[in-house]
Amino acid sequence: MIVQLVFALVSLVLLASAVTVVSARNPVHAVLFLILAFVSASVLFLLAGAEFLAFILAIVYVGAVAVLFLFVVMMLDVDFAALKEGFQRYAPVGALVGVVLFGELGLVALTWHSVAGAQAAIAYPMPAGTTNAVALGSLLYTSYLPLFQLSGVILLVAMIGAIVLTHRDRPRAKRQSLGRQHARQPDNTLHLVKAELGAGAAIPAAKTQKETL
């Protein structure tokens, strides 16, 4: 009974945070509620007995994807007010698309049925002594290895795109030019002065001006 109450409470938190992600005006707040939705989904997976999926969702999505979204939103100079100017104009179309999607989900829920032998497979999902991580790892790195590698490439492209979007060229920043350093001659950088004992050294004004330029 306690597990069912916790499952219902976390489900409500997940639904509320998902709605807030879409309706929040501040993009930073939307990303923070997205992190809350990911954590709530991880708790649901953990209560359902899928501890591997729960930890993967928390580590990958909360620890990497959501943090990446947060940094991109905070670092990009995007005028979100201008992006939301046409929200009211396209709101009816979005509502229609949402109704169609919920209708399709309802049809799937009404016509869903278990295949023959599914109950037996659920009762004995894997051999005794095999954990969820071992079973999923064996399947992932054998039958679905190309898709797994493709997902890694997609994440790499997303990371490179985020770096390119957030990179800014600062013309005032001091940078080292190896070509100019190697091309310098001793006559342009070094001036020997023979100073008398106790008289000091006087650098010619022309030479000082040349070095300044």
N, C-alpha and C. Protein backbone atom coordinates (compact mmCIF):
# COMPACT_ATOMS: atom_id res chain seq x y z
N MET A 1 0.83 -1.21 0.00
CA MET A 1 0.00 0.00 0.00
C MET A 1 0.86 1.25 0.00
N ILE A 2 1.95 1.23 0.78
CA ILE A 2 2.82 2.40 0.84
C ILE A 2 3.51 2.62 -0.51
N VAL A 3 3.92 1.52 -1.13
CA VAL A 3 4.58 1.63 -2.44
C VAL A 3 3.63 2.22 -3.48
N GLN A 4 2.37 1.81 -3.44
CA GLN A 4 1.39 2.35 -4.39
C GLN A 4 1.14 3.84 -4.15
N LEU A 5 1.09 4.25 -2.87
CA LEU A 5 0.90 5.67 -2.59
C LEU A 5 2.10 6.49 -3.06
N VAL A 6 3.30 5.98 -2.84
CA VAL A 6 4.50 6.69 -3.31
C VAL A 6 4.52 6.75 -4.83
N PHE A 7 4.13 5.66 -5.49
CA PHE A 7 4.08 5.65 -6.95
C PHE A 7 3.09 6.69 -7.47
N ALA A 8 1.91 6.79 -6.84
CA ALA A 8 0.91 7.78 -7.28
C ALA A 8 1.40 9.20 -7.02
N LEU A 9 2.05 9.42 -5.87
CA LEU A 9 2.54 10.77 -5.55
C LEU A 9 3.64 11.20 -6.52
N VAL A 10 4.58 10.31 -6.80
CA VAL A 10 5.67 10.64 -7.73
C VAL A 10 5.13 10.83 -9.14
N SER A 11 4.10 10.07 -9.50
CA SER A 11 3.49 10.24 -10.83
C SER A 11 2.86 11.62 -10.97
N LEU A 12 2.19 12.08 -9.90
CA LEU A 12 1.61 13.43 -9.94
C LEU A 12 2.70 14.49 -10.05
N VAL A 13 3.80 14.30 -9.33
CA VAL A 13 4.92 15.26 -9.44
C VAL A 13 5.49 15.25 -10.85
N LEU A 14 5.59 14.08 -11.46
CA LEU A 14 6.11 13.98 -12.82
C LEU A 14 5.20 14.69 -13.81
N LEU A 15 3.89 14.49 -13.69
CA LEU A 15 2.96 15.16 -14.61
C LEU A 15 2.98 16.67 -14.41
N ALA A 16 3.01 17.12 -13.16
CA ALA A 16 3.02 18.57 -12.90
C ALA A 16 4.31 19.20 -13.42
N SER A 17 5.44 18.56 -13.21
CA SER A 17 6.71 19.12 -13.70
C SER A 17 6.76 19.12 -15.22
N ALA A 18 6.18 18.08 -15.87
CA ALA A 18 6.16 18.04 -17.33
C ALA A 18 5.31 19.18 -17.90
N VAL A 19 4.19 19.46 -17.27
CA VAL A 19 3.34 20.57 -17.72
C VAL A 19 4.05 21.90 -17.50
N THR A 20 4.77 22.03 -16.39
CA THR A 20 5.48 23.27 -16.10
C THR A 20 6.63 23.50 -17.07
N VAL A 21 7.26 22.42 -17.54
CA VAL A 21 8.33 22.57 -18.53
C VAL A 21 7.81 23.28 -19.78
N VAL A 22 6.61 22.93 -20.20
CA VAL A 22 6.04 23.52 -21.41
C VAL A 22 5.49 24.91 -21.16
N SER A 23 4.92 25.15 -19.97
CA SER A 23 4.23 26.41 -19.71
C SER A 23 5.10 27.46 -19.03
N ALA A 24 6.29 27.13 -18.58
CA ALA A 24 7.13 28.10 -17.88
C ALA A 24 7.61 29.18 -18.85
N ARG A 25 7.57 30.43 -18.39
CA ARG A 25 8.03 31.55 -19.22
C ARG A 25 9.55 31.68 -19.20
N ASN A 26 10.15 31.38 -18.07
CA ASN A 26 11.60 31.47 -17.95
C ASN A 26 12.22 30.16 -18.42
N PRO A 27 13.10 30.19 -19.42
CA PRO A 27 13.69 28.94 -19.92
C PRO A 27 14.55 28.22 -18.89
N VAL A 28 15.20 28.96 -17.99
CA VAL A 28 15.99 28.31 -16.94
C VAL A 28 15.09 27.53 -16.00
N HIS A 29 13.95 28.11 -15.64
CA HIS A 29 12.99 27.40 -14.80
C HIS A 29 12.46 26.16 -15.52
N ALA A 30 12.27 26.26 -16.83
CA ALA A 30 11.79 25.10 -17.59
C ALA A 30 12.80 23.96 -17.54
N VAL A 31 14.08 24.28 -17.65
CA VAL A 31 15.11 23.23 -17.59
C VAL A 31 15.17 22.62 -16.19
N LEU A 32 15.02 23.44 -15.16
CA LEU A 32 15.03 22.91 -13.79
C LEU A 32 13.84 21.97 -13.55
N PHE A 33 12.68 22.33 -14.05
CA PHE A 33 11.53 21.42 -13.93
C PHE A 33 11.72 20.17 -14.79
N LEU A 34 12.46 20.29 -15.88
CA LEU A 34 12.79 19.11 -16.68
C LEU A 34 13.66 18.15 -15.89
N ILE A 35 14.61 18.68 -15.13
CA ILE A 35 15.42 17.83 -14.26
C ILE A 35 14.56 17.15 -13.21
N LEU A 36 13.60 17.88 -12.65
CA LEU A 36 12.68 17.27 -11.69
C LEU A 36 11.86 16.16 -12.33
N ALA A 37 11.44 16.35 -13.58
CA ALA A 37 10.70 15.31 -14.27
C ALA A 37 11.56 14.07 -14.50
N PHE A 38 12.82 14.26 -14.85
CA PHE A 38 13.73 13.11 -15.04
C PHE A 38 13.94 12.35 -13.73
N VAL A 39 14.12 13.08 -12.64
CA VAL A 39 14.32 12.43 -11.35
C VAL A 39 13.07 11.66 -10.94
N SER A 40 11.91 12.24 -11.16
CA SER A 40 10.65 11.55 -10.83
C SER A 40 10.49 10.28 -11.67
N ALA A 41 10.84 10.36 -12.95
CA ALA A 41 10.78 9.16 -13.79
C ALA A 41 11.76 8.09 -13.31
N SER A 42 12.92 8.51 -12.82
CA SER A 42 13.88 7.54 -12.27
C SER A 42 13.32 6.84 -11.04
N VAL A 43 12.62 7.59 -10.20
CA VAL A 43 12.00 6.99 -9.02
C VAL A 43 10.93 5.99 -9.42
N LEU A 44 10.15 6.30 -10.45
CA LEU A 44 9.13 5.37 -10.93
C LEU A 44 9.76 4.08 -11.45
N PHE A 45 10.84 4.21 -12.21
CA PHE A 45 11.54 3.01 -12.69
C PHE A 45 12.08 2.19 -11.51
N LEU A 46 12.58 2.88 -10.50
CA LEU A 46 13.12 2.17 -9.34
C LEU A 46 12.03 1.43 -8.58
N LEU A 47 10.86 2.04 -8.45
CA LEU A 47 9.74 1.37 -7.79
C LEU A 47 9.22 0.20 -8.61
N ALA A 48 9.36 0.28 -9.94
CA ALA A 48 8.91 -0.81 -10.81
C ALA A 48 9.89 -1.97 -10.88
N GLY A 49 11.06 -1.82 -10.25
CA GLY A 49 12.04 -2.91 -10.26
C GLY A 49 13.08 -2.81 -11.36
N ALA A 50 13.05 -1.74 -12.14
CA ALA A 50 14.03 -1.55 -13.23
C ALA A 50 15.10 -0.60 -12.74
N GLU A 51 15.98 -1.11 -11.86
CA GLU A 51 16.98 -0.23 -11.26
C GLU A 51 18.01 0.24 -12.28
N PHE A 52 18.29 -0.57 -13.29
CA PHE A 52 19.27 -0.17 -14.30
C PHE A 52 18.77 1.04 -15.09
N LEU A 53 17.53 0.99 -15.52
CA LEU A 53 16.95 2.12 -16.25
C LEU A 53 16.86 3.36 -15.37
N ALA A 54 16.58 3.17 -14.08
CA ALA A 54 16.50 4.31 -13.17
C ALA A 54 17.84 5.02 -13.05
N PHE A 55 18.92 4.26 -12.86
CA PHE A 55 20.24 4.88 -12.72
C PHE A 55 20.72 5.47 -14.03
N ILE A 56 20.43 4.81 -15.15
CA ILE A 56 20.82 5.35 -16.45
C ILE A 56 20.10 6.66 -16.72
N LEU A 57 18.82 6.74 -16.39
CA LEU A 57 18.05 7.97 -16.60
C LEU A 57 18.59 9.09 -15.72
N ALA A 58 18.96 8.77 -14.49
CA ALA A 58 19.48 9.80 -13.59
C ALA A 58 20.87 10.26 -14.02
N ILE A 59 21.72 9.32 -14.43
CA ILE A 59 23.10 9.68 -14.76
C ILE A 59 23.19 10.38 -16.11
N VAL A 60 22.53 9.80 -17.12
CA VAL A 60 22.67 10.32 -18.49
C VAL A 60 21.84 11.58 -18.68
N TYR A 61 20.55 11.51 -18.36
CA TYR A 61 19.68 12.63 -18.67
C TYR A 61 19.81 13.76 -17.66
N VAL A 62 19.83 13.43 -16.38
CA VAL A 62 19.96 14.49 -15.37
C VAL A 62 21.39 15.00 -15.31
N GLY A 63 22.37 14.09 -15.32
CA GLY A 63 23.75 14.50 -15.16
C GLY A 63 24.40 15.04 -16.39
N ALA A 64 23.84 14.79 -17.57
CA ALA A 64 24.51 15.23 -18.81
C ALA A 64 23.57 16.07 -19.67
N VAL A 65 22.46 15.48 -20.10
CA VAL A 65 21.60 16.17 -21.07
C VAL A 65 20.96 17.41 -20.47
N ALA A 66 20.35 17.26 -19.29
CA ALA A 66 19.68 18.42 -18.68
C ALA A 66 20.67 19.51 -18.30
N VAL A 67 21.84 19.13 -17.78
CA VAL A 67 22.87 20.14 -17.46
C VAL A 67 23.36 20.83 -18.73
N LEU A 68 23.48 20.06 -19.82
CA LEU A 68 23.87 20.67 -21.10
C LEU A 68 22.81 21.67 -21.56
N PHE A 69 21.53 21.31 -21.46
CA PHE A 69 20.47 22.24 -21.80
C PHE A 69 20.56 23.50 -20.95
N LEU A 70 20.83 23.33 -19.65
CA LEU A 70 20.89 24.47 -18.76
C LEU A 70 22.03 25.41 -19.14
N PHE A 71 23.20 24.87 -19.43
CA PHE A 71 24.33 25.70 -19.83
C PHE A 71 24.07 26.39 -21.16
N VAL A 72 23.46 25.68 -22.10
CA VAL A 72 23.17 26.29 -23.40
C VAL A 72 22.18 27.43 -23.26
N VAL A 73 21.14 27.21 -22.44
CA VAL A 73 20.14 28.25 -22.25
C VAL A 73 20.75 29.47 -21.56
N MET A 74 21.63 29.23 -20.60
CA MET A 74 22.21 30.35 -19.85
C MET A 74 23.29 31.08 -20.63
N MET A 75 23.98 30.39 -21.53
CA MET A 75 25.11 30.99 -22.24
C MET A 75 24.71 31.62 -23.57
N LEU A 76 23.66 31.09 -24.22
CA LEU A 76 23.24 31.65 -25.49
C LEU A 76 22.46 32.93 -25.27
N ASP A 77 22.74 33.91 -26.09
CA ASP A 77 22.02 35.19 -26.01
C ASP A 77 20.80 35.12 -26.94
N VAL A 78 19.77 34.43 -26.45
CA VAL A 78 18.57 34.23 -27.25
C VAL A 78 17.45 35.07 -26.68
N ASP A 79 16.75 35.78 -27.55
CA ASP A 79 15.60 36.59 -27.15
C ASP A 79 14.37 35.68 -27.13
N PHE A 80 14.08 35.12 -25.95
CA PHE A 80 12.95 34.20 -25.85
C PHE A 80 11.61 34.92 -25.96
N ALA A 81 11.59 36.20 -25.63
CA ALA A 81 10.34 36.95 -25.80
C ALA A 81 9.95 37.03 -27.27
N ALA A 82 10.95 37.20 -28.15
CA ALA A 82 10.66 37.25 -29.59
C ALA A 82 10.23 35.89 -30.11
N LEU A 83 10.78 34.81 -29.52
CA LEU A 83 10.40 33.48 -29.98
C LEU A 83 8.96 33.14 -29.62
N LYS A 84 8.47 33.72 -28.52
CA LYS A 84 7.11 33.41 -28.06
C LYS A 84 6.07 34.40 -28.56
N GLU A 85 6.46 35.30 -29.48
CA GLU A 85 5.49 36.28 -29.96
C GLU A 85 4.34 35.62 -30.72
N GLY A 86 4.63 34.56 -31.49
CA GLY A 86 3.57 33.91 -32.26
C GLY A 86 2.92 32.75 -31.55
N PHE A 87 3.04 32.69 -30.20
CA PHE A 87 2.48 31.56 -29.46
C PHE A 87 0.96 31.55 -29.54
N GLN A 88 0.33 32.70 -29.33
CA GLN A 88 -1.14 32.75 -29.35
C GLN A 88 -1.69 32.47 -30.74
N ARG A 89 -0.94 32.84 -31.76
CA ARG A 89 -1.43 32.61 -33.12
C ARG A 89 -1.42 31.14 -33.47
N TYR A 90 -0.39 30.42 -33.01
CA TYR A 90 -0.29 28.99 -33.33
C TYR A 90 -0.81 28.09 -32.22
N ALA A 91 -1.38 28.67 -31.17
CA ALA A 91 -1.90 27.85 -30.06
C ALA A 91 -3.03 26.92 -30.51
N PRO A 92 -3.99 27.35 -31.34
CA PRO A 92 -5.04 26.40 -31.77
C PRO A 92 -4.49 25.20 -32.54
N VAL A 93 -3.50 25.44 -33.39
CA VAL A 93 -2.91 24.33 -34.14
C VAL A 93 -2.21 23.35 -33.19
N GLY A 94 -1.48 23.90 -32.22
CA GLY A 94 -0.82 23.04 -31.24
C GLY A 94 -1.81 22.25 -30.41
N ALA A 95 -2.92 22.91 -30.03
CA ALA A 95 -3.95 22.19 -29.27
C ALA A 95 -4.57 21.07 -30.09
N LEU A 96 -4.78 21.31 -31.39
CA LEU A 96 -5.33 20.27 -32.26
C LEU A 96 -4.39 19.09 -32.37
N VAL A 97 -3.10 19.37 -32.54
CA VAL A 97 -2.11 18.30 -32.61
C VAL A 97 -2.08 17.51 -31.30
N GLY A 98 -2.19 18.21 -30.16
CA GLY A 98 -2.22 17.53 -28.87
C GLY A 98 -3.43 16.63 -28.71
N VAL A 99 -4.58 17.10 -29.16
CA VAL A 99 -5.79 16.27 -29.08
C VAL A 99 -5.66 15.02 -29.94
N VAL A 100 -5.08 15.18 -31.13
CA VAL A 100 -4.88 14.01 -32.00
C VAL A 100 -3.93 13.01 -31.36
N LEU A 101 -2.86 13.49 -30.76
CA LEU A 101 -1.90 12.59 -30.12
C LEU A 101 -2.54 11.85 -28.94
N PHE A 102 -3.29 12.58 -28.11
CA PHE A 102 -3.95 11.92 -26.99
C PHE A 102 -5.01 10.93 -27.48
N GLY A 103 -5.67 11.24 -28.59
CA GLY A 103 -6.62 10.28 -29.16
C GLY A 103 -5.93 9.00 -29.63
N GLU A 104 -4.78 9.15 -30.26
CA GLU A 104 -4.03 7.96 -30.69
C GLU A 104 -3.57 7.13 -29.49
N LEU A 105 -3.13 7.80 -28.42
CA LEU A 105 -2.74 7.07 -27.22
C LEU A 105 -3.93 6.34 -26.61
N GLY A 106 -5.10 6.99 -26.64
CA GLY A 106 -6.30 6.32 -26.13
C GLY A 106 -6.67 5.09 -26.95
N LEU A 107 -6.55 5.18 -28.27
CA LEU A 107 -6.84 4.02 -29.11
C LEU A 107 -5.86 2.88 -28.83
N VAL A 108 -4.61 3.23 -28.63
CA VAL A 108 -3.63 2.19 -28.30
C VAL A 108 -3.95 1.53 -26.97
N ALA A 109 -4.35 2.32 -25.99
CA ALA A 109 -4.68 1.76 -24.68
C ALA A 109 -5.92 0.87 -24.75
N LEU A 110 -6.89 1.22 -25.59
CA LEU A 110 -8.12 0.43 -25.67
C LEU A 110 -7.93 -0.87 -26.46
N THR A 111 -7.07 -0.84 -27.45
CA THR A 111 -6.89 -2.02 -28.30
C THR A 111 -5.68 -2.87 -27.89
N TRP A 112 -5.04 -2.55 -26.80
CA TRP A 112 -3.84 -3.27 -26.39
C TRP A 112 -4.22 -4.62 -25.80
N HIS A 113 -3.44 -5.63 -26.11
CA HIS A 113 -3.65 -6.96 -25.55
C HIS A 113 -2.32 -7.69 -25.52
N SER A 114 -2.23 -8.64 -24.64
CA SER A 114 -0.99 -9.40 -24.46
C SER A 114 -0.91 -10.53 -25.47
N VAL A 115 0.27 -10.79 -25.95
CA VAL A 115 0.48 -11.89 -26.88
C VAL A 115 0.55 -13.20 -26.10
N ALA A 116 0.46 -14.29 -26.82
CA ALA A 116 0.50 -15.60 -26.18
C ALA A 116 1.87 -15.83 -25.54
N GLY A 117 1.85 -16.27 -24.31
CA GLY A 117 3.10 -16.54 -23.59
C GLY A 117 3.71 -15.34 -22.92
N ALA A 118 3.04 -14.16 -22.97
CA ALA A 118 3.62 -12.97 -22.36
C ALA A 118 3.61 -13.05 -20.84
N GLN A 119 2.56 -13.63 -20.27
CA GLN A 119 2.48 -13.74 -18.82
C GLN A 119 3.59 -14.63 -18.28
N ALA A 120 3.87 -15.72 -18.99
CA ALA A 120 4.95 -16.60 -18.55
C ALA A 120 6.30 -15.90 -18.66
N ALA A 121 6.49 -15.10 -19.69
CA ALA A 121 7.74 -14.36 -19.84
C ALA A 121 7.91 -13.32 -18.75
N ILE A 122 6.79 -12.68 -18.35
CA ILE A 122 6.86 -11.70 -17.27
C ILE A 122 7.17 -12.38 -15.94
N ALA A 123 6.59 -13.57 -15.74
CA ALA A 123 6.82 -14.28 -14.49
C ALA A 123 8.28 -14.73 -14.36
N TYR A 124 8.89 -15.10 -15.49
CA TYR A 124 10.30 -15.53 -15.49
C TYR A 124 11.04 -14.74 -16.58
N PRO A 125 11.33 -13.45 -16.32
CA PRO A 125 11.93 -12.62 -17.36
C PRO A 125 13.36 -12.99 -17.72
N MET A 126 14.11 -13.58 -16.81
CA MET A 126 15.50 -13.92 -17.08
C MET A 126 15.93 -15.06 -16.16
N PRO A 127 17.01 -15.71 -16.50
CA PRO A 127 17.47 -16.83 -15.66
C PRO A 127 17.78 -16.39 -14.24
N ALA A 128 17.70 -17.35 -13.35
CA ALA A 128 17.98 -17.06 -11.94
C ALA A 128 19.43 -16.63 -11.76
N GLY A 129 19.64 -15.60 -10.94
CA GLY A 129 20.98 -15.11 -10.69
C GLY A 129 21.45 -14.05 -11.66
N THR A 130 20.65 -13.72 -12.67
CA THR A 130 21.02 -12.69 -13.66
C THR A 130 20.33 -11.38 -13.31
N THR A 131 21.09 -10.33 -13.15
CA THR A 131 20.51 -9.04 -12.80
C THR A 131 20.03 -8.32 -14.05
N ASN A 132 19.29 -7.24 -13.84
CA ASN A 132 18.80 -6.45 -14.97
C ASN A 132 19.95 -5.84 -15.77
N ALA A 133 20.98 -5.39 -15.07
CA ALA A 133 22.12 -4.77 -15.76
C ALA A 133 22.83 -5.78 -16.66
N VAL A 134 23.00 -7.00 -16.18
CA VAL A 134 23.67 -8.02 -16.99
C VAL A 134 22.82 -8.40 -18.20
N ALA A 135 21.51 -8.55 -18.01
CA ALA A 135 20.64 -8.93 -19.12
C ALA A 135 20.58 -7.85 -20.19
N LEU A 136 20.42 -6.59 -19.77
CA LEU A 136 20.35 -5.50 -20.73
C LEU A 136 21.70 -5.27 -21.41
N GLY A 137 22.79 -5.41 -20.65
CA GLY A 137 24.11 -5.24 -21.24
C GLY A 137 24.42 -6.30 -22.29
N SER A 138 24.04 -7.54 -22.01
CA SER A 138 24.26 -8.61 -22.99
C SER A 138 23.46 -8.38 -24.26
N LEU A 139 22.24 -7.89 -24.13
CA LEU A 139 21.42 -7.62 -25.30
C LEU A 139 21.89 -6.38 -26.05
N LEU A 140 22.33 -5.36 -25.29
CA LEU A 140 22.71 -4.10 -25.91
C LEU A 140 23.99 -4.22 -26.72
N TYR A 141 24.95 -4.96 -26.21
CA TYR A 141 26.25 -5.06 -26.87
C TYR A 141 26.35 -6.24 -27.84
N THR A 142 25.23 -6.89 -28.11
CA THR A 142 25.21 -7.96 -29.12
C THR A 142 24.27 -7.63 -30.26
N SER A 143 22.98 -7.60 -29.97
CA SER A 143 21.99 -7.40 -31.04
C SER A 143 21.87 -5.94 -31.45
N TYR A 144 22.07 -5.01 -30.50
CA TYR A 144 21.84 -3.59 -30.78
C TYR A 144 23.13 -2.77 -30.70
N LEU A 145 24.25 -3.38 -30.99
CA LEU A 145 25.53 -2.67 -30.94
C LEU A 145 25.61 -1.54 -31.97
N PRO A 146 25.18 -1.71 -33.24
CA PRO A 146 25.23 -0.58 -34.19
C PRO A 146 24.40 0.61 -33.75
N LEU A 147 23.20 0.35 -33.21
CA LEU A 147 22.37 1.45 -32.74
C LEU A 147 23.00 2.14 -31.53
N PHE A 148 23.64 1.37 -30.69
CA PHE A 148 24.32 1.95 -29.52
C PHE A 148 25.46 2.86 -29.97
N GLN A 149 26.24 2.44 -30.95
CA GLN A 149 27.32 3.27 -31.47
C GLN A 149 26.76 4.52 -32.16
N LEU A 150 25.65 4.37 -32.87
CA LEU A 150 25.03 5.51 -33.54
C LEU A 150 24.56 6.55 -32.52
N SER A 151 24.01 6.09 -31.41
CA SER A 151 23.59 7.03 -30.37
C SER A 151 24.78 7.80 -29.80
N GLY A 152 25.93 7.13 -29.67
CA GLY A 152 27.13 7.83 -29.21
C GLY A 152 27.59 8.90 -30.19
N VAL A 153 27.48 8.61 -31.48
CA VAL A 153 27.86 9.60 -32.50
C VAL A 153 26.91 10.80 -32.45
N ILE A 154 25.62 10.54 -32.24
CA ILE A 154 24.64 11.63 -32.16
C ILE A 154 24.94 12.53 -30.96
N LEU A 155 25.27 11.93 -29.82
CA LEU A 155 25.62 12.73 -28.64
C LEU A 155 26.89 13.54 -28.87
N LEU A 156 27.86 12.96 -29.59
CA LEU A 156 29.08 13.69 -29.90
C LEU A 156 28.80 14.89 -30.79
N VAL A 157 27.95 14.71 -31.80
CA VAL A 157 27.59 15.82 -32.68
C VAL A 157 26.85 16.90 -31.90
N ALA A 158 25.97 16.50 -30.97
CA ALA A 158 25.25 17.48 -30.15
C ALA A 158 26.21 18.26 -29.26
N MET A 159 27.22 17.60 -28.71
CA MET A 159 28.19 18.29 -27.87
C MET A 159 29.01 19.29 -28.69
N ILE A 160 29.44 18.89 -29.88
CA ILE A 160 30.20 19.80 -30.74
C ILE A 160 29.33 20.99 -31.15
N GLY A 161 28.07 20.75 -31.47
CA GLY A 161 27.17 21.84 -31.82
C GLY A 161 26.97 22.82 -30.69
N ALA A 162 26.86 22.32 -29.45
CA ALA A 162 26.72 23.21 -28.30
C ALA A 162 27.96 24.06 -28.11
N ILE A 163 29.13 23.48 -28.30
CA ILE A 163 30.38 24.24 -28.16
C ILE A 163 30.47 25.31 -29.24
N VAL A 164 30.10 24.96 -30.47
CA VAL A 164 30.17 25.94 -31.56
C VAL A 164 29.19 27.09 -31.33
N LEU A 165 27.99 26.78 -30.83
CA LEU A 165 26.99 27.83 -30.61
C LEU A 165 27.39 28.77 -29.47
N THR A 166 28.04 28.25 -28.45
CA THR A 166 28.40 29.08 -27.31
C THR A 166 29.76 29.75 -27.45
N HIS A 167 30.51 29.42 -28.49
CA HIS A 167 31.84 30.03 -28.66
C HIS A 167 31.70 31.44 -29.20
N ARG A 168 32.39 32.35 -28.57
CA ARG A 168 32.38 33.75 -29.00
C ARG A 168 33.82 34.21 -29.23
N ASP A 169 34.01 34.93 -30.32
CA ASP A 169 35.33 35.45 -30.67
C ASP A 169 35.52 36.81 -30.02
N ARG A 170 36.46 36.92 -29.12
CA ARG A 170 36.74 38.18 -28.44
C ARG A 170 37.98 38.82 -29.07
N PRO A 171 37.79 39.91 -29.84
CA PRO A 171 38.95 40.51 -30.53
C PRO A 171 39.95 41.14 -29.56
N ARG A 172 39.51 41.52 -28.36
CA ARG A 172 40.41 42.16 -27.41
C ARG A 172 41.25 41.16 -26.62
N ALA A 173 40.93 39.90 -26.74
CA ALA A 173 41.69 38.91 -25.99
C ALA A 173 43.10 38.77 -26.56
N LYS A 174 44.08 38.62 -25.70
CA LYS A 174 45.47 38.49 -26.11
C LYS A 174 45.74 37.04 -26.50
N ARG A 175 46.26 36.86 -27.70
CA ARG A 175 46.56 35.52 -28.20
C ARG A 175 48.02 35.46 -28.65
N GLN A 176 48.58 34.31 -28.52
CA GLN A 176 49.97 34.10 -28.91
C GLN A 176 50.05 33.75 -30.39
N SER A 177 50.90 34.48 -31.13
CA SER A 177 51.12 34.23 -32.55
C SER A 177 52.53 33.67 -32.73
N LEU A 178 52.60 32.37 -32.96
CA LEU A 178 53.91 31.74 -33.11
C LEU A 178 54.63 32.21 -34.36
N GLY A 179 53.90 32.48 -35.44
CA GLY A 179 54.52 32.94 -36.67
C GLY A 179 55.22 34.28 -36.50
N ARG A 180 54.54 35.22 -35.82
CA ARG A 180 55.14 36.53 -35.61
C ARG A 180 56.34 36.44 -34.67
N GLN A 181 56.25 35.54 -33.69
CA GLN A 181 57.37 35.40 -32.76
C GLN A 181 58.60 34.82 -33.46
N HIS A 182 58.41 33.85 -34.33
CA HIS A 182 59.54 33.25 -35.04
C HIS A 182 60.12 34.19 -36.09
N ALA A 183 59.29 35.11 -36.61
CA ALA A 183 59.76 36.02 -37.66
C ALA A 183 60.50 37.25 -37.10
N ARG A 184 60.50 37.41 -35.80
CA ARG A 184 61.16 38.59 -35.21
C ARG A 184 62.68 38.47 -35.34
N GLN A 185 63.30 39.61 -35.63
CA GLN A 185 64.76 39.70 -35.77
C GLN A 185 65.37 40.35 -34.53
N PRO A 186 66.63 40.01 -34.24
CA PRO A 186 67.27 40.63 -33.06
C PRO A 186 67.38 42.14 -33.16
N ASP A 187 67.51 42.67 -34.39
CA ASP A 187 67.64 44.13 -34.53
C ASP A 187 66.37 44.86 -34.11
N ASN A 188 65.22 44.19 -34.24
CA ASN A 188 63.95 44.83 -33.90
C ASN A 188 63.58 44.68 -32.44
N THR A 189 64.21 43.78 -31.75
CA THR A 189 63.82 43.51 -30.37
C THR A 189 64.93 43.74 -29.35
N LEU A 190 66.19 43.82 -29.81
CA LEU A 190 67.32 43.91 -28.89
C LEU A 190 68.15 45.14 -29.22
N HIS A 191 68.46 45.91 -28.21
CA HIS A 191 69.28 47.12 -28.38
C HIS A 191 70.35 47.12 -27.30
N LEU A 192 71.60 47.02 -27.73
CA LEU A 192 72.73 46.99 -26.81
C LEU A 192 73.22 48.41 -26.57
N VAL A 193 73.42 48.74 -25.33
CA VAL A 193 73.88 50.07 -24.94
C VAL A 193 75.13 49.90 -24.08
N LYS A 194 76.20 50.61 -24.46
CA LYS A 194 77.43 50.59 -23.68
C LYS A 194 77.38 51.73 -22.68
N ALA A 195 77.15 51.37 -21.45
CA ALA A 195 77.00 52.39 -20.40
C ALA A 195 78.29 52.55 -19.63
N GLU A 196 78.64 53.81 -19.41
CA GLU A 196 79.81 54.12 -18.60
C GLU A 196 79.49 53.88 -17.13
N LEU A 197 80.51 53.57 -16.39
CA LEU A 197 80.34 53.28 -14.98
C LEU A 197 79.85 54.53 -14.24
N GLY A 198 78.67 54.41 -13.64
CA GLY A 198 78.09 55.51 -12.88
C GLY A 198 77.36 56.53 -13.71
N ALA A 199 77.32 56.36 -15.08
CA ALA A 199 76.67 57.36 -15.94
C ALA A 199 75.26 56.96 -16.33
N GLY A 200 74.92 55.68 -16.24
CA GLY A 200 73.60 55.23 -16.66
C GLY A 200 73.53 55.02 -18.14
N ALA A 201 72.41 54.62 -18.62
CA ALA A 201 72.21 54.32 -20.04
C ALA A 201 71.07 55.16 -20.58
N ALA A 202 71.23 55.71 -21.77
CA ALA A 202 70.19 56.51 -22.42
C ALA A 202 69.82 55.84 -23.73
N ILE A 203 68.56 55.38 -23.85
CA ILE A 203 68.08 54.72 -25.07
C ILE A 203 67.64 55.79 -26.05
N PRO A 204 68.03 55.69 -27.31
CA PRO A 204 67.62 56.70 -28.30
C PRO A 204 66.10 56.76 -28.42
N ALA A 205 65.60 57.99 -28.66
CA ALA A 205 64.15 58.18 -28.75
C ALA A 205 63.57 57.45 -29.94
N ALA A 206 64.27 57.42 -31.07
CA ALA A 206 63.76 56.74 -32.26
C ALA A 206 63.61 55.24 -32.01
N LYS A 207 64.60 54.69 -31.32
CA LYS A 207 64.54 53.27 -31.03
C LYS A 207 63.38 52.96 -30.08
N THR A 208 63.17 53.81 -29.10
CA THR A 208 62.07 53.59 -28.15
C THR A 208 60.72 53.67 -28.86
N GLN A 209 60.55 54.64 -29.76
CA GLN A 209 59.32 54.77 -30.52
C GLN A 209 59.08 53.56 -31.42
N LYS A 210 60.13 53.05 -32.03
CA LYS A 210 60.00 51.89 -32.91
C LYS A 210 59.55 50.66 -32.14
N GLU A 211 60.13 50.46 -30.93
CA GLU A 211 59.73 49.33 -30.12
C GLU A 211 58.30 49.47 -29.63
N THR A 212 57.87 50.69 -29.36
CA THR A 212 56.50 50.92 -28.91
C THR A 212 55.51 50.56 -30.00
N LEU A 213 55.81 50.94 -31.24
CA LEU A 213 54.93 50.60 -32.34
C LEU A 213 54.94 49.11 -32.59
